């Protein structure tokens, strides 16, 4: 497959099933911000302990599900020919379980945190900020009348909470000798 196809040269792109939209479309903005979050989690993965890096890899995979759901035309979400997976309540529950596990291991701060205690936590804090922006973009989509499932909103909200908790955990364990790979 070629890296370029020139189809986007006029400011349009394709959503799932080939529907063409402006690159300025709110769905593109939401999906693009999800893509940024995936990249930020990948960067963080390179600085974090193996335990945290494994969680981050799973989160990256989940965010592809989120983006695919957001890029699916209205009324077609969940159709096997489009995207077989959509965000499920169990995915949100997994995030909550990870947060509870972290909170059982370390005391969470009761005040604002200045990022940068270590490389891993700093990268996770950047990822958290991007995830919050993605959440705002998805809320804007929903407020504009676009179909957005409650599970997607819950997932992104909890994901940002998890990124915060993982950053604080990484602060405690440090970057270590294992860069996560």
C-alpha atoms as a PDB file:
ATOM      1  CA  UNK A   1       0.000   0.000   0.000  1.00  0.00           C
ATOM      2  CA  UNK A   2       1.308   3.425  -0.938  1.00  0.00           C
ATOM      3  CA  UNK A   3       1.804   6.066   1.724  1.00  0.00           C
ATOM      4  CA  UNK A   4       0.068   8.714  -0.360  1.00  0.00           C
ATOM      5  CA  UNK A   5      -2.897   8.674  -2.714  1.00  0.00           C
ATOM      6  CA  UNK A   6      -3.553  12.402  -3.316  1.00  0.00           C
ATOM      7  CA  UNK A   7      -7.229  12.000  -2.344  1.00  0.00           C
ATOM      8  CA  UNK A   8      -6.860  14.463   0.521  1.00  0.00           C
ATOM      9  CA  UNK A   9      -5.155  17.203  -1.459  1.00  0.00           C
ATOM     10  CA  UNK A  10      -8.367  19.223  -1.678  1.00  0.00           C
ATOM     11  CA  UNK A  11      -9.020  19.239   2.070  1.00  0.00           C
ATOM     12  CA  UNK A  12     -11.262  16.186   2.307  1.00  0.00           C
ATOM     13  CA  UNK A  13     -10.780  12.759   3.834  1.00  0.00           C
ATOM     14  CA  UNK A  14     -12.709   9.526   4.082  1.00  0.00           C
ATOM     15  CA  UNK A  15     -14.465   8.196   7.134  1.00  0.00           C
ATOM     16  CA  UNK A  16     -15.243   4.506   7.414  1.00  0.00           C
ATOM     17  CA  UNK A  17     -17.275   3.188   4.480  1.00  0.00           C
ATOM     18  CA  UNK A  18     -15.766   5.861   2.213  1.00  0.00           C
ATOM     19  CA  UNK A  19     -17.948   8.804   3.258  1.00  0.00           C
ATOM     20  CA  UNK A  20     -16.020  11.949   2.260  1.00  0.00           C
ATOM     21  CA  UNK A  21     -15.928  14.878   4.679  1.00  0.00           C
ATOM     22  CA  UNK A  22     -13.925  18.054   5.145  1.00  0.00           C
ATOM     23  CA  UNK A  23     -10.737  17.591   7.124  1.00  0.00           C
ATOM     24  CA  UNK A  24     -12.149  20.339   9.351  1.00  0.00           C
ATOM     25  CA  UNK A  25     -15.198  18.160  10.169  1.00  0.00           C
ATOM     26  CA  UNK A  26     -15.744  17.767  13.909  1.00  0.00           C
ATOM     27  CA  UNK A  27     -15.429  13.977  13.598  1.00  0.00           C
ATOM     28  CA  UNK A  28     -12.014  14.386  11.990  1.00  0.00           C
ATOM     29  CA  UNK A  29     -10.980  16.708  14.808  1.00  0.00           C
ATOM     30  CA  UNK A  30     -12.125  14.172  17.418  1.00  0.00           C
ATOM     31  CA  UNK A  31     -10.457  11.250  15.629  1.00  0.00           C
ATOM     32  CA  UNK A  32      -7.280  13.258  15.092  1.00  0.00           C
ATOM     33  CA  UNK A  33      -7.090  14.065  18.776  1.00  0.00           C
ATOM     34  CA  UNK A  34      -7.587  10.385  19.600  1.00  0.00           C
ATOM     35  CA  UNK A  35      -4.689   9.673  17.224  1.00  0.00           C
ATOM     36  CA  UNK A  36      -2.557  12.193  19.120  1.00  0.00           C
ATOM     37  CA  UNK A  37      -3.447  10.429  22.371  1.00  0.00           C
ATOM     38  CA  UNK A  38      -2.374   7.076  20.902  1.00  0.00           C
ATOM     39  CA  UNK A  39       0.971   8.617  19.943  1.00  0.00           C
ATOM     40  CA  UNK A  40       1.432  10.236  23.347  1.00  0.00           C
ATOM     41  CA  UNK A  41       0.749   6.918  25.057  1.00  0.00           C
ATOM     42  CA  UNK A  42       3.334   5.350  22.749  1.00  0.00           C
ATOM     43  CA  UNK A  43       5.895   7.930  23.797  1.00  0.00           C
ATOM     44  CA  UNK A  44       5.078   7.350  27.458  1.00  0.00           C
ATOM     45  CA  UNK A  45       5.391   3.604  26.934  1.00  0.00           C
ATOM     46  CA  UNK A  46       9.035   4.086  26.010  1.00  0.00           C
ATOM     47  CA  UNK A  47       9.780   5.771  29.343  1.00  0.00           C
ATOM     48  CA  UNK A  48       7.710   3.664  31.731  1.00  0.00           C
ATOM     49  CA  UNK A  49       8.222   0.487  33.694  1.00  0.00           C
ATOM     50  CA  UNK A  50       7.229  -2.708  31.863  1.00  0.00           C
ATOM     51  CA  UNK A  51       4.085  -3.083  34.015  1.00  0.00           C
ATOM     52  CA  UNK A  52       2.841   0.356  33.012  1.00  0.00           C
ATOM     53  CA  UNK A  53       4.000  -0.055  29.399  1.00  0.00           C
ATOM     54  CA  UNK A  54       1.822  -3.156  29.080  1.00  0.00           C
ATOM     55  CA  UNK A  55      -1.232  -1.224  30.222  1.00  0.00           C
ATOM     56  CA  UNK A  56      -0.417   1.606  27.820  1.00  0.00           C
ATOM     57  CA  UNK A  57      -0.213  -0.809  24.897  1.00  0.00           C
ATOM     58  CA  UNK A  58      -3.682  -2.101  25.743  1.00  0.00           C
ATOM     59  CA  UNK A  59      -4.991   1.466  25.958  1.00  0.00           C
ATOM     60  CA  UNK A  60      -3.565   2.266  22.520  1.00  0.00           C
ATOM     61  CA  UNK A  61      -5.467  -0.679  21.066  1.00  0.00           C
ATOM     62  CA  UNK A  62      -8.667   0.444  22.797  1.00  0.00           C
ATOM     63  CA  UNK A  63      -8.301   3.945  21.380  1.00  0.00           C
ATOM     64  CA  UNK A  64      -8.375   2.488  17.863  1.00  0.00           C
ATOM     65  CA  UNK A  65     -11.804   1.095  18.762  1.00  0.00           C
ATOM     66  CA  UNK A  66     -12.869   4.545  20.006  1.00  0.00           C
ATOM     67  CA  UNK A  67     -11.652   6.244  16.813  1.00  0.00           C
ATOM     68  CA  UNK A  68     -13.317   3.657  14.571  1.00  0.00           C
ATOM     69  CA  UNK A  69     -16.610   4.137  16.385  1.00  0.00           C
ATOM     70  CA  UNK A  70     -16.357   7.909  16.002  1.00  0.00           C
ATOM     71  CA  UNK A  71     -15.520   7.591  12.285  1.00  0.00           C
ATOM     72  CA  UNK A  72     -18.479   5.331  11.559  1.00  0.00           C
ATOM     73  CA  UNK A  73     -21.425   6.947   9.765  1.00  0.00           C
ATOM     74  CA  UNK A  74     -24.567   7.517  11.831  1.00  0.00           C
ATOM     75  CA  UNK A  75     -26.731   4.432  12.142  1.00  0.00           C
ATOM     76  CA  UNK A  76     -23.952   2.064  11.069  1.00  0.00           C
ATOM     77  CA  UNK A  77     -22.043   1.660  14.360  1.00  0.00           C
ATOM     78  CA  UNK A  78     -21.555  -1.976  15.261  1.00  0.00           C
ATOM     79  CA  UNK A  79     -22.252  -3.380  11.794  1.00  0.00           C
ATOM     80  CA  UNK A  80     -19.765  -6.221  11.258  1.00  0.00           C
ATOM     81  CA  UNK A  81     -18.886  -4.973   7.785  1.00  0.00           C
ATOM     82  CA  UNK A  82     -17.799  -1.649   9.252  1.00  0.00           C
ATOM     83  CA  UNK A  83     -16.318  -2.195  12.685  1.00  0.00           C
ATOM     84  CA  UNK A  84     -17.084  -5.274  14.683  1.00  0.00           C
ATOM     85  CA  UNK A  85     -16.006  -3.721  17.969  1.00  0.00           C
ATOM     86  CA  UNK A  86     -17.450  -0.733  19.749  1.00  0.00           C
ATOM     87  CA  UNK A  87     -16.678   0.644  23.188  1.00  0.00           C
ATOM     88  CA  UNK A  88     -18.327  -1.591  25.758  1.00  0.00           C
ATOM     89  CA  UNK A  89     -19.072  -0.964  29.457  1.00  0.00           C
ATOM     90  CA  UNK A  90     -16.533  -3.707  30.261  1.00  0.00           C
ATOM     91  CA  UNK A  91     -13.796  -1.551  28.756  1.00  0.00           C
ATOM     92  CA  UNK A  92     -14.690   1.266  31.159  1.00  0.00           C
ATOM     93  CA  UNK A  93     -14.772  -1.219  34.031  1.00  0.00           C
ATOM     94  CA  UNK A  94     -11.258  -2.381  33.168  1.00  0.00           C
ATOM     95  CA  UNK A  95     -10.025   1.211  33.439  1.00  0.00           C
ATOM     96  CA  UNK A  96     -11.728   1.576  36.816  1.00  0.00           C
ATOM     97  CA  UNK A  97     -10.147  -1.681  38.011  1.00  0.00           C
ATOM     98  CA  UNK A  98      -6.677  -0.450  36.999  1.00  0.00           C
ATOM     99  CA  UNK A  99      -7.262   2.859  38.794  1.00  0.00           C
ATOM    100  CA  UNK A 100      -8.347   1.060  41.960  1.00  0.00           C
ATOM    101  CA  UNK A 101      -5.292  -1.204  41.753  1.00  0.00           C
ATOM    102  CA  UNK A 102      -2.972   1.807  41.498  1.00  0.00           C
ATOM    103  CA  UNK A 103      -4.752   3.639  44.319  1.00  0.00           C
ATOM    104  CA  UNK A 104      -4.232   0.568  46.514  1.00  0.00           C
ATOM    105  CA  UNK A 105      -0.470   0.742  45.834  1.00  0.00           C
ATOM    106  CA  UNK A 106       0.206   4.460  46.317  1.00  0.00           C
ATOM    107  CA  UNK A 107      -1.311   7.465  48.042  1.00  0.00           C
ATOM    108  CA  UNK A 108      -2.828   9.770  45.466  1.00  0.00           C
ATOM    109  CA  UNK A 109      -2.025  13.496  45.755  1.00  0.00           C
ATOM    110  CA  UNK A 110      -4.644  15.824  47.193  1.00  0.00           C
ATOM    111  CA  UNK A 111      -3.404  18.899  45.326  1.00  0.00           C
ATOM    112  CA  UNK A 112      -2.407  19.878  41.814  1.00  0.00           C
ATOM    113  CA  UNK A 113       0.692  18.134  40.539  1.00  0.00           C
ATOM    114  CA  UNK A 114       3.436  19.801  38.553  1.00  0.00           C
ATOM    115  CA  UNK A 115       4.423  17.309  35.820  1.00  0.00           C
ATOM    116  CA  UNK A 116       8.028  16.290  35.362  1.00  0.00           C
ATOM    117  CA  UNK A 117       8.987  14.182  38.365  1.00  0.00           C
ATOM    118  CA  UNK A 118      10.362  11.651  35.887  1.00  0.00           C
ATOM    119  CA  UNK A 119      10.239  11.169  32.118  1.00  0.00           C
ATOM    120  CA  UNK A 120       7.539   8.499  32.280  1.00  0.00           C
ATOM    121  CA  UNK A 121       5.162  10.509  34.420  1.00  0.00           C
ATOM    122  CA  UNK A 122       5.772  13.664  32.372  1.00  0.00           C
ATOM    123  CA  UNK A 123       4.895  11.797  29.168  1.00  0.00           C
ATOM    124  CA  UNK A 124       1.793  10.342  30.841  1.00  0.00           C
ATOM    125  CA  UNK A 125       0.706  13.810  31.942  1.00  0.00           C
ATOM    126  CA  UNK A 126       1.008  15.040  28.337  1.00  0.00           C
ATOM    127  CA  UNK A 127      -1.060  12.037  27.238  1.00  0.00           C
ATOM    128  CA  UNK A 128      -3.657  12.853  29.905  1.00  0.00           C
ATOM    129  CA  UNK A 129      -3.965  16.429  28.666  1.00  0.00           C
ATOM    130  CA  UNK A 130      -4.446  15.221  25.081  1.00  0.00           C
ATOM    131  CA  UNK A 131      -7.031  12.668  26.231  1.00  0.00           C
ATOM    132  CA  UNK A 132      -8.950  15.446  27.997  1.00  0.00           C
ATOM    133  CA  UNK A 133      -8.872  17.463  24.767  1.00  0.00           C
ATOM    134  CA  UNK A 134     -10.171  14.429  22.879  1.00  0.00           C
ATOM    135  CA  UNK A 135     -12.955  14.140  25.438  1.00  0.00           C
ATOM    136  CA  UNK A 136     -13.892  17.789  24.862  1.00  0.00           C
ATOM    137  CA  UNK A 137     -13.926  17.229  21.095  1.00  0.00           C
ATOM    138  CA  UNK A 138     -16.226  14.222  21.503  1.00  0.00           C
ATOM    139  CA  UNK A 139     -18.555  16.186  23.782  1.00  0.00           C
ATOM    140  CA  UNK A 140     -18.672  18.898  21.104  1.00  0.00           C
ATOM    141  CA  UNK A 141     -19.601  16.253  18.546  1.00  0.00           C
ATOM    142  CA  UNK A 142     -22.433  15.039  20.717  1.00  0.00           C
ATOM    143  CA  UNK A 143     -23.664  18.589  21.422  1.00  0.00           C
ATOM    144  CA  UNK A 144     -23.689  19.217  17.651  1.00  0.00           C
ATOM    145  CA  UNK A 145     -26.137  16.335  17.257  1.00  0.00           C
ATOM    146  CA  UNK A 146     -23.703  13.672  16.084  1.00  0.00           C
ATOM    147  CA  UNK A 147     -24.271  10.175  17.474  1.00  0.00           C
ATOM    148  CA  UNK A 148     -21.800   9.486  20.274  1.00  0.00           C
ATOM    149  CA  UNK A 149     -22.327   6.604  22.652  1.00  0.00           C
ATOM    150  CA  UNK A 150     -22.292   7.145  26.382  1.00  0.00           C
ATOM    151  CA  UNK A 151     -19.648   4.418  26.580  1.00  0.00           C
ATOM    152  CA  UNK A 152     -17.229   6.466  24.458  1.00  0.00           C
ATOM    153  CA  UNK A 153     -17.655   9.479  26.734  1.00  0.00           C
ATOM    154  CA  UNK A 154     -17.282   7.375  29.876  1.00  0.00           C
ATOM    155  CA  UNK A 155     -14.245   5.611  28.439  1.00  0.00           C
ATOM    156  CA  UNK A 156     -12.417   8.846  27.620  1.00  0.00           C
ATOM    157  CA  UNK A 157     -13.266  10.381  30.981  1.00  0.00           C
ATOM    158  CA  UNK A 158     -11.987   7.345  32.865  1.00  0.00           C
ATOM    159  CA  UNK A 159      -8.970   7.023  30.576  1.00  0.00           C
ATOM    160  CA  UNK A 160      -7.789  10.495  31.559  1.00  0.00           C
ATOM    161  CA  UNK A 161      -8.233   9.521  35.215  1.00  0.00           C
ATOM    162  CA  UNK A 162      -6.164   6.385  34.615  1.00  0.00           C
ATOM    163  CA  UNK A 163      -3.417   8.356  32.861  1.00  0.00           C
ATOM    164  CA  UNK A 164      -3.225  10.614  35.926  1.00  0.00           C
ATOM    165  CA  UNK A 165      -3.059   7.626  38.279  1.00  0.00           C
ATOM    166  CA  UNK A 166      -0.421   5.905  36.132  1.00  0.00           C
ATOM    167  CA  UNK A 167       1.649   9.098  36.083  1.00  0.00           C
ATOM    168  CA  UNK A 168       1.581   9.279  39.870  1.00  0.00           C
ATOM    169  CA  UNK A 169       2.506   5.600  40.081  1.00  0.00           C
ATOM    170  CA  UNK A 170       5.364   6.183  37.675  1.00  0.00           C
ATOM    171  CA  UNK A 171       6.488   9.098  39.884  1.00  0.00           C
ATOM    172  CA  UNK A 172       6.829   6.608  42.753  1.00  0.00           C
ATOM    173  CA  UNK A 173       8.582   3.804  40.879  1.00  0.00           C
ATOM    174  CA  UNK A 174      10.693   6.043  38.619  1.00  0.00           C
ATOM    175  CA  UNK A 175      11.822   5.411  35.085  1.00  0.00           C
ATOM    176  CA  UNK A 176      14.035   2.488  36.082  1.00  0.00           C
ATOM    177  CA  UNK A 177      16.344   0.480  33.892  1.00  0.00           C
ATOM    178  CA  UNK A 178      13.538  -1.102  31.863  1.00  0.00           C
ATOM    179  CA  UNK A 179      12.264   1.377  29.269  1.00  0.00           C
ATOM    180  CA  UNK A 180       9.100  -0.647  28.741  1.00  0.00           C
ATOM    181  CA  UNK A 181      10.180  -2.764  25.784  1.00  0.00           C
END
